[in-house]
Structures are given as C-alpha cells and as structure tokens.
PDB file of N, CA and C in Angstrom:
ATOM      1  N   MET A   1     177.588  33.496  38.966  1.00  0.00           N
ATOM      2  CA  MET A   1     178.505  32.621  39.660  1.00  0.00           C
ATOM      3  C   MET A   1     179.951  32.904  39.227  1.00  0.00           C
ATOM      4  N   SER A   2     180.125  33.134  37.948  1.00  0.00           N
ATOM      5  CA  SER A   2     181.483  33.359  37.455  1.00  0.00           C
ATOM      6  C   SER A   2     182.071  34.681  37.949  1.00  0.00           C
ATOM      7  N   LEU A   3     181.212  35.596  38.380  1.00  0.00           N
ATOM      8  CA  LEU A   3     181.702  36.857  38.943  1.00  0.00           C
ATOM      9  C   LEU A   3     182.136  36.703  40.395  1.00  0.00           C
ATOM     10  N   GLY A   4     181.722  35.612  41.033  1.00  0.00           N
ATOM     11  CA  GLY A   4     182.097  35.396  42.419  1.00  0.00           C
ATOM     12  C   GLY A   4     180.929  35.287  43.375  1.00  0.00           C
ATOM     13  N   CYS A   5     179.718  35.127  42.847  1.00  0.00           N
ATOM     14  CA  CYS A   5     178.541  34.979  43.693  1.00  0.00           C
ATOM     15  C   CYS A   5     178.694  33.760  44.598  1.00  0.00           C
ATOM     16  N   ILE A   6     178.395  33.930  45.870  1.00  0.00           N
ATOM     17  CA  ILE A   6     178.467  32.816  46.820  1.00  0.00           C
ATOM     18  C   ILE A   6     177.076  32.386  47.277  1.00  0.00           C
ATOM     19  N   GLN A   7     176.065  32.856  46.602  1.00  0.00           N
ATOM     20  CA  GLN A   7     174.673  32.531  46.893  1.00  0.00           C
ATOM     21  C   GLN A   7     174.298  32.814  48.347  1.00  0.00           C
ATOM     22  N   ALA A   8     174.636  34.008  48.791  1.00  0.00           N
ATOM     23  CA  ALA A   8     174.295  34.427  50.146  1.00  0.00           C
ATOM     24  C   ALA A   8     172.826  34.821  50.250  1.00  0.00           C
ATOM     25  N   LEU A   9     172.142  34.894  49.109  1.00  0.00           N
ATOM     26  CA  LEU A   9     170.714  35.213  49.044  1.00  0.00           C
ATOM     27  C   LEU A   9     170.399  36.592  49.630  1.00  0.00           C
ATOM     28  N   LYS A  10     171.285  37.538  49.383  1.00  0.00           N
ATOM     29  CA  LYS A  10     171.082  38.908  49.859  1.00  0.00           C
ATOM     30  C   LYS A  10     171.046  39.894  48.695  1.00  0.00           C
ATOM     31  N   CYS A  11     170.705  39.389  47.512  1.00  0.00           N
ATOM     32  CA  CYS A  11     170.734  40.193  46.280  1.00  0.00           C
ATOM     33  C   CYS A  11     169.860  41.435  46.372  1.00  0.00           C
ATOM     34  N   ASN A  12     168.751  41.335  47.038  1.00  0.00           N
ATOM     35  CA  ASN A  12     167.806  42.459  47.083  1.00  0.00           C
ATOM     36  C   ASN A  12     168.003  43.357  48.298  1.00  0.00           C
ATOM     37  N   SER A  13     169.037  43.114  49.075  1.00  0.00           N
ATOM     38  CA  SER A  13     169.209  43.872  50.318  1.00  0.00           C
ATOM     39  C   SER A  13     170.342  44.893  50.265  1.00  0.00           C
ATOM     40  N   ASN A  14     171.084  44.918  49.154  1.00  0.00           N
ATOM     41  CA  ASN A  14     172.243  45.794  48.999  1.00  0.00           C
ATOM     42  C   ASN A  14     173.339  45.461  50.007  1.00  0.00           C
ATOM     43  N   THR A  15     173.335  44.208  50.497  1.00  0.00           N
ATOM     44  CA  THR A  15     174.361  43.778  51.448  1.00  0.00           C
ATOM     45  C   THR A  15     175.075  42.517  50.957  1.00  0.00           C
ATOM     46  N   CYS A  16     175.162  42.353  49.662  1.00  0.00           N
ATOM     47  CA  CYS A  16     175.812  41.174  49.065  1.00  0.00           C
ATOM     48  C   CYS A  16     177.265  41.106  49.534  1.00  0.00           C
ATOM     49  N   PRO A  17     177.654  40.059  50.280  1.00  0.00           N
ATOM     50  CA  PRO A  17     179.010  39.998  50.829  1.00  0.00           C
ATOM     51  C   PRO A  17     180.099  39.822  49.768  1.00  0.00           C
ATOM     52  N   SER A  18     179.751  39.309  48.590  1.00  0.00           N
ATOM     53  CA  SER A  18     180.774  39.130  47.558  1.00  0.00           C
ATOM     54  C   SER A  18     180.889  40.345  46.650  1.00  0.00           C
ATOM     55  N   GLY A  19     179.996  41.332  46.820  1.00  0.00           N
ATOM     56  CA  GLY A  19     180.068  42.557  46.045  1.00  0.00           C
ATOM     57  C   GLY A  19     179.392  42.514  44.698  1.00  0.00           C
ATOM     58  N   VAL A  20     178.829  41.370  44.334  1.00  0.00           N
ATOM     59  CA  VAL A  20     178.218  41.212  43.020  1.00  0.00           C
ATOM     60  C   VAL A  20     176.926  42.008  42.900  1.00  0.00           C
ATOM     61  N   ALA A  21     176.094  41.978  43.925  1.00  0.00           N
ATOM     62  CA  ALA A  21     174.770  42.617  43.850  1.00  0.00           C
ATOM     63  C   ALA A  21     174.610  43.699  44.906  1.00  0.00           C
ATOM     64  N   THR A  22     175.501  44.656  44.882  1.00  0.00           N
ATOM     65  CA  THR A  22     175.402  45.755  45.835  1.00  0.00           C
ATOM     66  C   THR A  22     175.980  47.021  45.230  1.00  0.00           C
ATOM     67  N   THR A  23     175.523  48.141  45.717  1.00  0.00           N
ATOM     68  CA  THR A  23     176.120  49.419  45.327  1.00  0.00           C
ATOM     69  C   THR A  23     176.956  49.978  46.473  1.00  0.00           C
ATOM     70  N   ASN A  24     177.046  49.226  47.553  1.00  0.00           N
ATOM     71  CA  ASN A  24     177.834  49.618  48.718  1.00  0.00           C
ATOM     72  C   ASN A  24     179.321  49.466  48.391  1.00  0.00           C
ATOM     73  N   LYS A  25     180.038  50.576  48.317  1.00  0.00           N
ATOM     74  CA  LYS A  25     181.463  50.569  47.938  1.00  0.00           C
ATOM     75  C   LYS A  25     182.312  49.690  48.864  1.00  0.00           C
ATOM     76  N   GLU A  26     181.974  49.644  50.148  1.00  0.00           N
ATOM     77  CA  GLU A  26     182.749  48.841  51.091  1.00  0.00           C
ATOM     78  C   GLU A  26     182.630  47.345  50.813  1.00  0.00           C
ATOM     79  N   LEU A  27     181.493  46.922  50.263  1.00  0.00           N
ATOM     80  CA  LEU A  27     181.297  45.510  49.963  1.00  0.00           C
ATOM     81  C   LEU A  27     181.784  45.126  48.569  1.00  0.00           C
ATOM     82  N   GLN A  28     182.037  46.104  47.739  1.00  0.00           N
ATOM     83  CA  GLN A  28     182.453  45.828  46.371  1.00  0.00           C
ATOM     84  C   GLN A  28     183.941  45.534  46.221  1.00  0.00           C
ATOM     85  N   PHE A  29     184.700  45.573  47.305  1.00  0.00           N
ATOM     86  CA  PHE A  29     186.148  45.397  47.198  1.00  0.00           C
ATOM     87  C   PHE A  29     186.537  44.053  46.579  1.00  0.00           C
ATOM     88  N   GLY A  30     185.712  43.033  46.767  1.00  0.00           N
ATOM     89  CA  GLY A  30     186.023  41.709  46.217  1.00  0.00           C
ATOM     90  C   GLY A  30     185.664  41.566  44.753  1.00  0.00           C
ATOM     91  N   LEU A  31     184.952  42.509  44.232  1.00  0.00           N
ATOM     92  CA  LEU A  31     184.525  42.446  42.835  1.00  0.00           C
ATOM     93  C   LEU A  31     185.521  43.237  41.988  1.00  0.00           C
ATOM     94  N   VAL A  32     186.445  42.510  41.401  1.00  0.00           N
ATOM     95  CA  VAL A  32     187.483  43.127  40.577  1.00  0.00           C
ATOM     96  C   VAL A  32     187.245  42.684  39.134  1.00  0.00           C
ATOM     97  N   PRO A  33     186.554  43.526  38.340  1.00  0.00           N
ATOM     98  CA  PRO A  33     186.177  43.132  36.982  1.00  0.00           C
ATOM     99  C   PRO A  33     187.339  42.653  36.127  1.00  0.00           C
ATOM    100  N   GLU A  34     188.502  43.277  36.281  1.00  0.00           N
ATOM    101  CA  GLU A  34     189.659  42.861  35.476  1.00  0.00           C
ATOM    102  C   GLU A  34     190.040  41.415  35.756  1.00  0.00           C
ATOM    103  N   GLU A  35     189.889  40.976  36.990  1.00  0.00           N
ATOM    104  CA  GLU A  35     190.237  39.598  37.349  1.00  0.00           C
ATOM    105  C   GLU A  35     189.113  38.621  36.983  1.00  0.00           C
ATOM    106  N   LYS A  36     187.885  39.065  37.094  1.00  0.00           N
ATOM    107  CA  LYS A  36     186.742  38.178  36.863  1.00  0.00           C
ATOM    108  C   LYS A  36     186.359  38.094  35.387  1.00  0.00           C
ATOM    109  N   ALA A  37     186.859  39.001  34.558  1.00  0.00           N
ATOM    110  CA  ALA A  37     186.472  39.053  33.142  1.00  0.00           C
ATOM    111  C   ALA A  37     186.738  37.734  32.432  1.00  0.00           C
ATOM    112  N   VAL A  38     187.864  37.106  32.709  1.00  0.00           N
ATOM    113  CA  VAL A  38     188.194  35.833  32.052  1.00  0.00           C
ATOM    114  C   VAL A  38     187.184  34.763  32.453  1.00  0.00           C
ATOM    115  N   ARG A  39     186.820  34.718  33.722  1.00  0.00           N
ATOM    116  CA  ARG A  39     185.833  33.737  34.187  1.00  0.00           C
ATOM    117  C   ARG A  39     184.482  33.949  33.511  1.00  0.00           C
ATOM    118  N   VAL A  40     184.045  35.203  33.461  1.00  0.00           N
ATOM    119  CA  VAL A  40     182.758  35.512  32.840  1.00  0.00           C
ATOM    120  C   VAL A  40     182.787  35.151  31.357  1.00  0.00           C
ATOM    121  N   HIS A  41     183.882  35.480  30.686  1.00  0.00           N
ATOM    122  CA  HIS A  41     184.027  35.144  29.262  1.00  0.00           C
ATOM    123  C   HIS A  41     183.953  33.634  29.053  1.00  0.00           C
ATOM    124  N   ASN A  42     184.699  32.882  29.847  1.00  0.00           N
ATOM    125  CA  ASN A  42     184.702  31.415  29.708  1.00  0.00           C
ATOM    126  C   ASN A  42     183.336  30.812  30.007  1.00  0.00           C
ATOM    127  N   TYR A  43     182.664  31.331  31.024  1.00  0.00           N
ATOM    128  CA  TYR A  43     181.331  30.832  31.372  1.00  0.00           C
ATOM    129  C   TYR A  43     180.362  31.062  30.217  1.00  0.00           C
ATOM    130  N   GLN A  44     180.370  32.267  29.669  1.00  0.00           N
ATOM    131  CA  GLN A  44     179.475  32.589  28.554  1.00  0.00           C
ATOM    132  C   GLN A  44     179.814  31.745  27.335  1.00  0.00           C
ATOM    133  N   LYS A  45     181.086  31.604  27.031  1.00  0.00           N
ATOM    134  CA  LYS A  45     181.522  30.818  25.866  1.00  0.00           C
ATOM    135  C   LYS A  45     181.070  29.363  25.998  1.00  0.00           C
ATOM    136  N   ARG A  46     181.233  28.792  27.175  1.00  0.00           N
ATOM    137  CA  ARG A  46     180.826  27.393  27.379  1.00  0.00           C
ATOM    138  C   ARG A  46     179.308  27.233  27.401  1.00  0.00           C
ATOM    139  N   THR A  47     178.607  28.239  27.889  1.00  0.00           N
ATOM    140  CA  THR A  47     177.142  28.191  27.864  1.00  0.00           C
ATOM    141  C   THR A  47     176.641  28.183  26.428  1.00  0.00           C
ATOM    142  N   VAL A  48     177.211  29.029  25.590  1.00  0.00           N
ATOM    143  CA  VAL A  48     176.826  29.074  24.179  1.00  0.00           C
ATOM    144  C   VAL A  48     177.175  27.759  23.495  1.00  0.00           C
ATOM    145  N   GLN A  49     178.357  27.213  23.785  1.00  0.00           N
ATOM    146  CA  GLN A  49     178.745  25.927  23.197  1.00  0.00           C
ATOM    147  C   GLN A  49     177.762  24.821  23.583  1.00  0.00           C
ATOM    148  N   ALA A  50     177.377  24.790  24.842  1.00  0.00           N
ATOM    149  CA  ALA A  50     176.428  23.771  25.302  1.00  0.00           C
ATOM    150  C   ALA A  50     175.079  23.938  24.613  1.00  0.00           C
ATOM    151  N   ALA A  51     174.625  25.178  24.470  1.00  0.00           N
ATOM    152  CA  ALA A  51     173.352  25.434  23.787  1.00  0.00           C
ATOM    153  C   ALA A  51     173.432  24.971  22.334  1.00  0.00           C
ATOM    154  N   LEU A  52     174.539  25.238  21.671  1.00  0.00           N
ATOM    155  CA  LEU A  52     174.701  24.812  20.281  1.00  0.00           C
ATOM    156  C   LEU A  52     174.705  23.293  20.155  1.00  0.00           C
ATOM    157  N   GLU A  53     175.303  22.615  21.120  1.00  0.00           N
ATOM    158  CA  GLU A  53     175.295  21.140  21.112  1.00  0.00           C
ATOM    159  C   GLU A  53     173.866  20.611  21.262  1.00  0.00           C
ATOM    160  N   ILE A  54     173.100  21.228  22.139  1.00  0.00           N
ATOM    161  CA  ILE A  54     171.713  20.800  22.337  1.00  0.00           C
ATOM    162  C   ILE A  54     170.897  21.070  21.076  1.00  0.00           C
ATOM    163  N   ILE A  55     171.092  22.228  20.470  1.00  0.00           N
ATOM    164  CA  ILE A  55     170.382  22.568  19.235  1.00  0.00           C
ATOM    165  C   ILE A  55     170.736  21.565  18.139  1.00  0.00           C
ATOM    166  N   GLY A  56     172.013  21.214  18.029  1.00  0.00           N
ATOM    167  CA  GLY A  56     172.442  20.211  17.054  1.00  0.00           C
ATOM    168  C   GLY A  56     171.836  18.851  17.341  1.00  0.00           C
ATOM    169  N   ALA A  57     171.752  18.471  18.617  1.00  0.00           N
ATOM    170  CA  ALA A  57     171.159  17.183  18.987  1.00  0.00           C
ATOM    171  C   ALA A  57     169.679  17.129  18.637  1.00  0.00           C
ATOM    172  N   MET A  58     169.042  18.290  18.567  1.00  0.00           N
ATOM    173  CA  MET A  58     167.633  18.360  18.163  1.00  0.00           C
ATOM    174  C   MET A  58     167.493  18.199  16.649  1.00  0.00           C
ATOM    175  N   GLY A  59     168.629  18.255  15.946  1.00  0.00           N
ATOM    176  CA  GLY A  59     168.590  18.149  14.498  1.00  0.00           C
ATOM    177  C   GLY A  59     168.508  19.482  13.793  1.00  0.00           C
ATOM    178  N   HIS A  60     168.803  20.553  14.516  1.00  0.00           N
ATOM    179  CA  HIS A  60     168.739  21.892  13.931  1.00  0.00           C
ATOM    180  C   HIS A  60     170.131  22.456  13.722  1.00  0.00           C
ATOM    181  N   GLU A  61     170.212  23.424  12.828  1.00  0.00           N
ATOM    182  CA  GLU A  61     171.482  24.089  12.558  1.00  0.00           C
ATOM    183  C   GLU A  61     171.542  25.479  13.175  1.00  0.00           C
ATOM    184  N   SER A  62     170.412  25.986  13.637  1.00  0.00           N
ATOM    185  CA  SER A  62     170.355  27.344  14.166  1.00  0.00           C
ATOM    186  C   SER A  62     169.289  27.431  15.253  1.00  0.00           C
ATOM    187  N   ILE A  63     169.493  28.331  16.186  1.00  0.00           N
ATOM    188  CA  ILE A  63     168.501  28.548  17.234  1.00  0.00           C
ATOM    189  C   ILE A  63     167.177  29.025  16.649  1.00  0.00           C
ATOM    190  N   ASP A  64     167.240  29.664  15.488  1.00  0.00           N
ATOM    191  CA  ASP A  64     166.029  30.144  14.824  1.00  0.00           C
ATOM    192  C   ASP A  64     165.091  29.005  14.441  1.00  0.00           C
ATOM    193  N   GLN A  65     165.626  27.795  14.343  1.00  0.00           N
ATOM    194  CA  GLN A  65     164.815  26.646  13.948  1.00  0.00           C
ATOM    195  C   GLN A  65     164.130  25.975  15.139  1.00  0.00           C
ATOM    196  N   VAL A  66     164.542  26.311  16.351  1.00  0.00           N
ATOM    197  CA  VAL A  66     163.976  25.691  17.550  1.00  0.00           C
ATOM    198  C   VAL A  66     162.593  26.290  17.812  1.00  0.00           C
ATOM    199  N   THR A  67     161.630  25.412  18.061  1.00  0.00           N
ATOM    200  CA  THR A  67     160.271  25.858  18.370  1.00  0.00           C
ATOM    201  C   THR A  67     159.839  25.258  19.703  1.00  0.00           C
ATOM    202  N   GLY A  68     158.690  25.650  20.146  1.00  0.00           N
ATOM    203  CA  GLY A  68     158.134  25.093  21.380  1.00  0.00           C
ATOM    204  C   GLY A  68     157.839  23.613  21.282  1.00  0.00           C
ATOM    205  N   ASP A  69     157.763  23.080  20.065  1.00  0.00           N
ATOM    206  CA  ASP A  69     157.553  21.634  19.885  1.00  0.00           C
ATOM    207  C   ASP A  69     158.822  20.842  20.165  1.00  0.00           C
ATOM    208  N   ASP A  70     159.970  21.492  20.175  1.00  0.00           N
ATOM    209  CA  ASP A  70     161.252  20.811  20.393  1.00  0.00           C
ATOM    210  C   ASP A  70     161.616  20.680  21.865  1.00  0.00           C
ATOM    211  N   ILE A  71     160.981  21.459  22.716  1.00  0.00           N
ATOM    212  CA  ILE A  71     161.371  21.514  24.120  1.00  0.00           C
ATOM    213  C   ILE A  71     160.277  20.904  24.976  1.00  0.00           C
ATOM    214  N   MET A  72     160.684  19.954  25.808  1.00  0.00           N
ATOM    215  CA  MET A  72     159.737  19.252  26.673  1.00  0.00           C
ATOM    216  C   MET A  72     159.861  19.784  28.100  1.00  0.00           C
ATOM    217  N   ARG A  73     158.736  19.774  28.788  1.00  0.00           N
ATOM    218  CA  ARG A  73     158.707  20.224  30.185  1.00  0.00           C
ATOM    219  C   ARG A  73     157.877  19.247  31.000  1.00  0.00           C
ATOM    220  N   ARG A  74     158.466  18.743  32.078  1.00  0.00           N
ATOM    221  CA  ARG A  74     157.720  17.855  32.972  1.00  0.00           C
ATOM    222  C   ARG A  74     156.800  18.717  33.820  1.00  0.00           C
ATOM    223  N   VAL A  75     155.501  18.455  33.761  1.00  0.00           N
ATOM    224  CA  VAL A  75     154.539  19.238  34.532  1.00  0.00           C
ATOM    225  C   VAL A  75     154.040  18.470  35.750  1.00  0.00           C
ATOM    226  N   ARG A  76     154.158  17.150  35.700  1.00  0.00           N
ATOM    227  CA  ARG A  76     153.836  16.279  36.841  1.00  0.00           C
ATOM    228  C   ARG A  76     154.756  15.069  36.760  1.00  0.00           C
ATOM    229  N   THR A  77     154.768  14.273  37.790  1.00  0.00           N
ATOM    230  CA  THR A  77     155.624  13.100  37.803  1.00  0.00           C
ATOM    231  C   THR A  77     155.436  12.235  36.568  1.00  0.00           C
ATOM    232  N   ASN A  78     154.214  12.082  36.132  1.00  0.00           N
ATOM    233  CA  ASN A  78     153.928  11.198  35.002  1.00  0.00           C
ATOM    234  C   ASN A  78     153.397  11.943  33.779  1.00  0.00           C
ATOM    235  N   GLU A  79     153.678  13.248  33.686  1.00  0.00           N
ATOM    236  CA  GLU A  79     153.180  14.016  32.540  1.00  0.00           C
ATOM    237  C   GLU A  79     154.243  14.969  32.009  1.00  0.00           C
ATOM    238  N   VAL A  80     154.468  14.870  30.715  1.00  0.00           N
ATOM    239  CA  VAL A  80     155.418  15.739  30.027  1.00  0.00           C
ATOM    240  C   VAL A  80     154.673  16.412  28.882  1.00  0.00           C
ATOM    241  N   ARG A  81     154.897  17.702  28.712  1.00  0.00           N
ATOM    242  CA  ARG A  81     154.280  18.444  27.619  1.00  0.00           C
ATOM    243  C   ARG A  81     155.364  19.207  26.866  1.00  0.00           C
ATOM    244  N   THR A  82     155.088  19.464  25.600  1.00  0.00           N
ATOM    245  CA  THR A  82     155.983  20.363  24.877  1.00  0.00           C
ATOM    246  C   THR A  82     155.661  21.779  25.339  1.00  0.00           C
ATOM    247  N   LEU A  83     156.594  22.677  25.131  1.00  0.00           N
ATOM    248  CA  LEU A  83     156.311  24.067  25.489  1.00  0.00           C
ATOM    249  C   LEU A  83     155.160  24.615  24.669  1.00  0.00           C
ATOM    250  N   SER A  84     155.021  24.128  23.437  1.00  0.00           N
ATOM    251  CA  SER A  84     153.884  24.573  22.617  1.00  0.00           C
ATOM    252  C   SER A  84     152.557  24.167  23.239  1.00  0.00           C
ATOM    253  N   GLU A  85     152.526  22.987  23.838  1.00  0.00           N
ATOM    254  CA  GLU A  85     151.296  22.541  24.508  1.00  0.00           C
ATOM    255  C   GLU A  85     151.070  23.313  25.796  1.00  0.00           C
ATOM    256  N   HIS A  86     152.151  23.514  26.525  1.00  0.00           N
ATOM    257  CA  HIS A  86     152.042  24.159  27.835  1.00  0.00           C
ATOM    258  C   HIS A  86     151.794  25.664  27.711  1.00  0.00           C
ATOM    259  N   PHE A  87     152.430  26.275  26.727  1.00  0.00           N
ATOM    260  CA  PHE A  87     152.300  27.715  26.507  1.00  0.00           C
ATOM    261  C   PHE A  87     151.892  27.958  25.057  1.00  0.00           C
ATOM    262  N   PRO A  88     150.627  27.753  24.736  1.00  0.00           N
ATOM    263  CA  PRO A  88     150.202  27.924  23.340  1.00  0.00           C
ATOM    264  C   PRO A  88     150.358  29.371  22.874  1.00  0.00           C
ATOM    265  N   CYS A  89     150.692  29.502  21.603  1.00  0.00           N
ATOM    266  CA  CYS A  89     150.841  30.851  21.017  1.00  0.00           C
ATOM    267  C   CYS A  89     149.468  31.474  20.800  1.00  0.00           C
ATOM    268  N   ALA A  90     149.438  32.769  20.916  1.00  0.00           N
ATOM    269  CA  ALA A  90     148.198  33.510  20.672  1.00  0.00           C
ATOM    270  C   ALA A  90     148.376  34.354  19.426  1.00  0.00           C
ATOM    271  N   LYS A  91     147.373  34.402  18.624  1.00  0.00           N
ATOM    272  CA  LYS A  91     147.406  35.254  17.430  1.00  0.00           C
ATOM    273  C   LYS A  91     147.253  36.711  17.854  1.00  0.00           C
ATOM    274  N   ALA A  92     147.827  37.585  17.059  1.00  0.00           N
ATOM    275  CA  ALA A  92     147.741  39.013  17.352  1.00  0.00           C
ATOM    276  C   ALA A  92     146.278  39.429  17.504  1.00  0.00           C
ATOM    277  N   GLY A  93     145.990  40.111  18.594  1.00  0.00           N
ATOM    278  CA  GLY A  93     144.641  40.610  18.843  1.00  0.00           C
ATOM    279  C   GLY A  93     143.691  39.612  19.480  1.00  0.00           C
ATOM    280  N   SER A  94     144.132  38.348  19.624  1.00  0.00           N
ATOM    281  CA  SER A  94     143.206  37.324  20.123  1.00  0.00           C
ATOM    282  C   SER A  94     142.793  37.531  21.581  1.00  0.00           C
ATOM    283  N   LEU A  95     143.641  38.158  22.386  1.00  0.00           N
ATOM    284  CA  LEU A  95     143.248  38.431  23.771  1.00  0.00           C
ATOM    285  C   LEU A  95     142.137  39.473  23.824  1.00  0.00           C
ATOM    286  N   LEU A  96     142.179  40.404  22.895  1.00  0.00           N
ATOM    287  CA  LEU A  96     141.173  41.463  22.881  1.00  0.00           C
ATOM    288  C   LEU A  96     139.848  40.988  22.303  1.00  0.00           C
ATOM    289  N   ASP A  97     139.920  40.113  21.294  1.00  0.00           N
ATOM    290  CA  ASP A  97     138.652  39.626  20.726  1.00  0.00           C
ATOM    291  C   ASP A  97     138.210  38.300  21.348  1.00  0.00           C
ATOM    292  N   ARG A  98     138.906  37.905  22.417  1.00  0.00           N
ATOM    293  CA  ARG A  98     138.550  36.746  23.246  1.00  0.00           C
ATOM    294  C   ARG A  98     138.599  35.420  22.486  1.00  0.00           C
ATOM    295  N   THR A  99     139.559  35.280  21.566  1.00  0.00           N
ATOM    296  CA  THR A  99     139.727  34.027  20.842  1.00  0.00           C
ATOM    297  C   THR A  99     141.077  33.382  21.152  1.00  0.00           C
ATOM    298  N   ALA A 100     141.748  33.839  22.193  1.00  0.00           N
ATOM    299  CA  ALA A 100     143.057  33.305  22.585  1.00  0.00           C
ATOM    300  C   ALA A 100     142.889  31.908  23.173  1.00  0.00           C
ATOM    301  N   PRO A 101     143.976  31.134  23.272  1.00  0.00           N
ATOM    302  CA  PRO A 101     143.906  29.842  23.957  1.00  0.00           C
ATOM    303  C   PRO A 101     143.295  30.017  25.351  1.00  0.00           C
ATOM    304  N   VAL A 102     142.526  29.038  25.773  1.00  0.00           N
ATOM    305  CA  VAL A 102     141.703  29.140  26.991  1.00  0.00           C
ATOM    306  C   VAL A 102     142.496  29.579  28.215  1.00  0.00           C
ATOM    307  N   ARG A 103     143.611  28.911  28.511  1.00  0.00           N
ATOM    308  CA  ARG A 103     144.372  29.236  29.720  1.00  0.00           C
ATOM    309  C   ARG A 103     144.935  30.657  29.657  1.00  0.00           C
ATOM    310  N   LEU A 104     145.414  31.047  28.486  1.00  0.00           N
ATOM    311  CA  LEU A 104     145.965  32.389  28.333  1.00  0.00           C
ATOM    312  C   LEU A 104     144.866  33.446  28.454  1.00  0.00           C
ATOM    313  N   GLN A 105     143.727  33.168  27.857  1.00  0.00           N
ATOM    314  CA  GLN A 105     142.605  34.108  27.939  1.00  0.00           C
ATOM    315  C   GLN A 105     142.148  34.266  29.390  1.00  0.00           C
ATOM    316  N   ALA A 106     142.113  33.163  30.129  1.00  0.00           N
ATOM    317  CA  ALA A 106     141.698  33.221  31.534  1.00  0.00           C
ATOM    318  C   ALA A 106     142.665  34.084  32.347  1.00  0.00           C
ATOM    319  N   ALA A 107     143.967  33.924  32.108  1.00  0.00           N
ATOM    320  CA  ALA A 107     144.957  34.735  32.827  1.00  0.00           C
ATOM    321  C   ALA A 107     144.788  36.206  32.465  1.00  0.00           C
ATOM    322  N   TRP A 108     144.569  36.484  31.188  1.00  0.00           N
ATOM    323  CA  TRP A 108     144.369  37.859  30.726  1.00  0.00           C
ATOM    324  C   TRP A 108     143.132  38.473  31.372  1.00  0.00           C
ATOM    325  N   ASP A 109     142.057  37.697  31.406  1.00  0.00           N
ATOM    326  CA  ASP A 109     140.805  38.197  31.965  1.00  0.00           C
ATOM    327  C   ASP A 109     140.921  38.501  33.453  1.00  0.00           C
ATOM    328  N   ASN A 110     141.821  37.827  34.138  1.00  0.00           N
ATOM    329  CA  ASN A 110     142.008  38.058  35.570  1.00  0.00           C
ATOM    330  C   ASN A 110     142.913  39.241  35.875  1.00  0.00           C
ATOM    331  N   CYS A 111     143.568  39.790  34.862  1.00  0.00           N
ATOM    332  CA  CYS A 111     144.467  40.930  35.063  1.00  0.00           C
ATOM    333  C   CYS A 111     143.674  42.235  35.087  1.00  0.00           C
ATOM    334  N   SER A 112     144.174  43.146  35.877  1.00  0.00           N
ATOM    335  CA  SER A 112     143.605  44.490  35.903  1.00  0.00           C
ATOM    336  C   SER A 112     144.679  45.441  36.404  1.00  0.00           C
ATOM    337  N   THR A 113     144.472  46.704  36.212  1.00  0.00           N
ATOM    338  CA  THR A 113     145.442  47.666  36.723  1.00  0.00           C
ATOM    339  C   THR A 113     145.525  47.582  38.242  1.00  0.00           C
ATOM    340  N   GLN A 114     144.434  47.221  38.882  1.00  0.00           N
ATOM    341  CA  GLN A 114     144.424  47.098  40.336  1.00  0.00           C
ATOM    342  C   GLN A 114     145.313  45.954  40.819  1.00  0.00           C
ATOM    343  N   SER A 115     145.402  44.877  40.028  1.00  0.00           N
ATOM    344  CA  SER A 115     146.198  43.728  40.461  1.00  0.00           C
ATOM    345  C   SER A 115     147.694  44.025  40.440  1.00  0.00           C
ATOM    346  N   PHE A 116     148.102  45.116  39.771  1.00  0.00           N
ATOM    347  CA  PHE A 116     149.510  45.472  39.701  1.00  0.00           C
ATOM    348  C   PHE A 116     149.880  46.609  40.653  1.00  0.00           C
ATOM    349  N   ARG A 117     148.904  47.114  41.383  1.00  0.00           N
ATOM    350  CA  ARG A 117     149.153  48.237  42.281  1.00  0.00           C
ATOM    351  C   ARG A 117     150.246  47.961  43.304  1.00  0.00           C
ATOM    352  N   ARG A 118     150.321  46.748  43.800  1.00  0.00           N
ATOM    353  CA  ARG A 118     151.296  46.445  44.849  1.00  0.00           C
ATOM    354  C   ARG A 118     152.727  46.562  44.338  1.00  0.00           C
ATOM    355  N   TRP A 119     152.944  46.544  43.018  1.00  0.00           N
ATOM    356  CA  TRP A 119     154.289  46.640  42.445  1.00  0.00           C
ATOM    357  C   TRP A 119     154.699  48.086  42.197  1.00  0.00           C
ATOM    358  N   ILE A 120     153.754  49.006  42.312  1.00  0.00           N
ATOM    359  CA  ILE A 120     154.063  50.415  42.076  1.00  0.00           C
ATOM    360  C   ILE A 120     154.524  51.034  43.384  1.00  0.00           C
ATOM    361  N   TYR A 121     155.655  51.676  43.341  1.00  0.00           N
ATOM    362  CA  TYR A 121     156.225  52.262  44.572  1.00  0.00           C
ATOM    363  C   TYR A 121     155.659  53.622  44.831  1.00  0.00           C
TER     364      TYR A 121
END
C-alpha cells in the first residue's frame, strides 16, 4: 500500500495499473522508488512499533518470548483457541513415525506428489 497499490486485484496478470506488481515498463511509470521510499520506510517503522507495543502488552520484552499460547484466534463465533491449540507443534520425525498431532498427521497422510502436480508448470 505504501508503494502506491490501489488494490486493482491484477497482481497476477502483469497489468497492475499502479506499476507495483508488473514488469511492463509502460505501467511502471507511476512507481518512482525515490519518491515512495519515505512512505515505505514510515510504514515499516510504524508496523514494527505497533508489533513492539503488542508484544509489550503481552508482558514480553522480545518477540523471541512470544509463543503460540500468547496469540488467540477466533475459529467460530463462540470459539477462540490459542495458536498452540489450533496449530500444535510436532516433534522432529513425528510425521514419519506417525506420532504427530492428529490433525497434522491427517494432513500429512493426505499429501502426495500427485496432489502437487497441478502447481508444476
């Protein structure tokens, strides 16, 4: 957004009218990095400041202290889970020896090289 994105939703078409998501030289005329650099810098600086405020409000001094138990996610209108509950950690090798958390193991078991074929060009 700070670069000038107008949310035209043409990111994957190489026809981005603001020049942000295109390699078409004719459309890139509006993308002047020297002018947008200050906006991008300010956006990033304020994003980091906001994240630090949230981390402090959690009672932590560093992002390294934040765990999945600190972050809540609404999964239904009347149900909230921590990220640790929603996305349990798996021990190294647990997917291979079939001792991973149930939901994660089920997703792993459903994967195959064939299921990714449609993404290969």
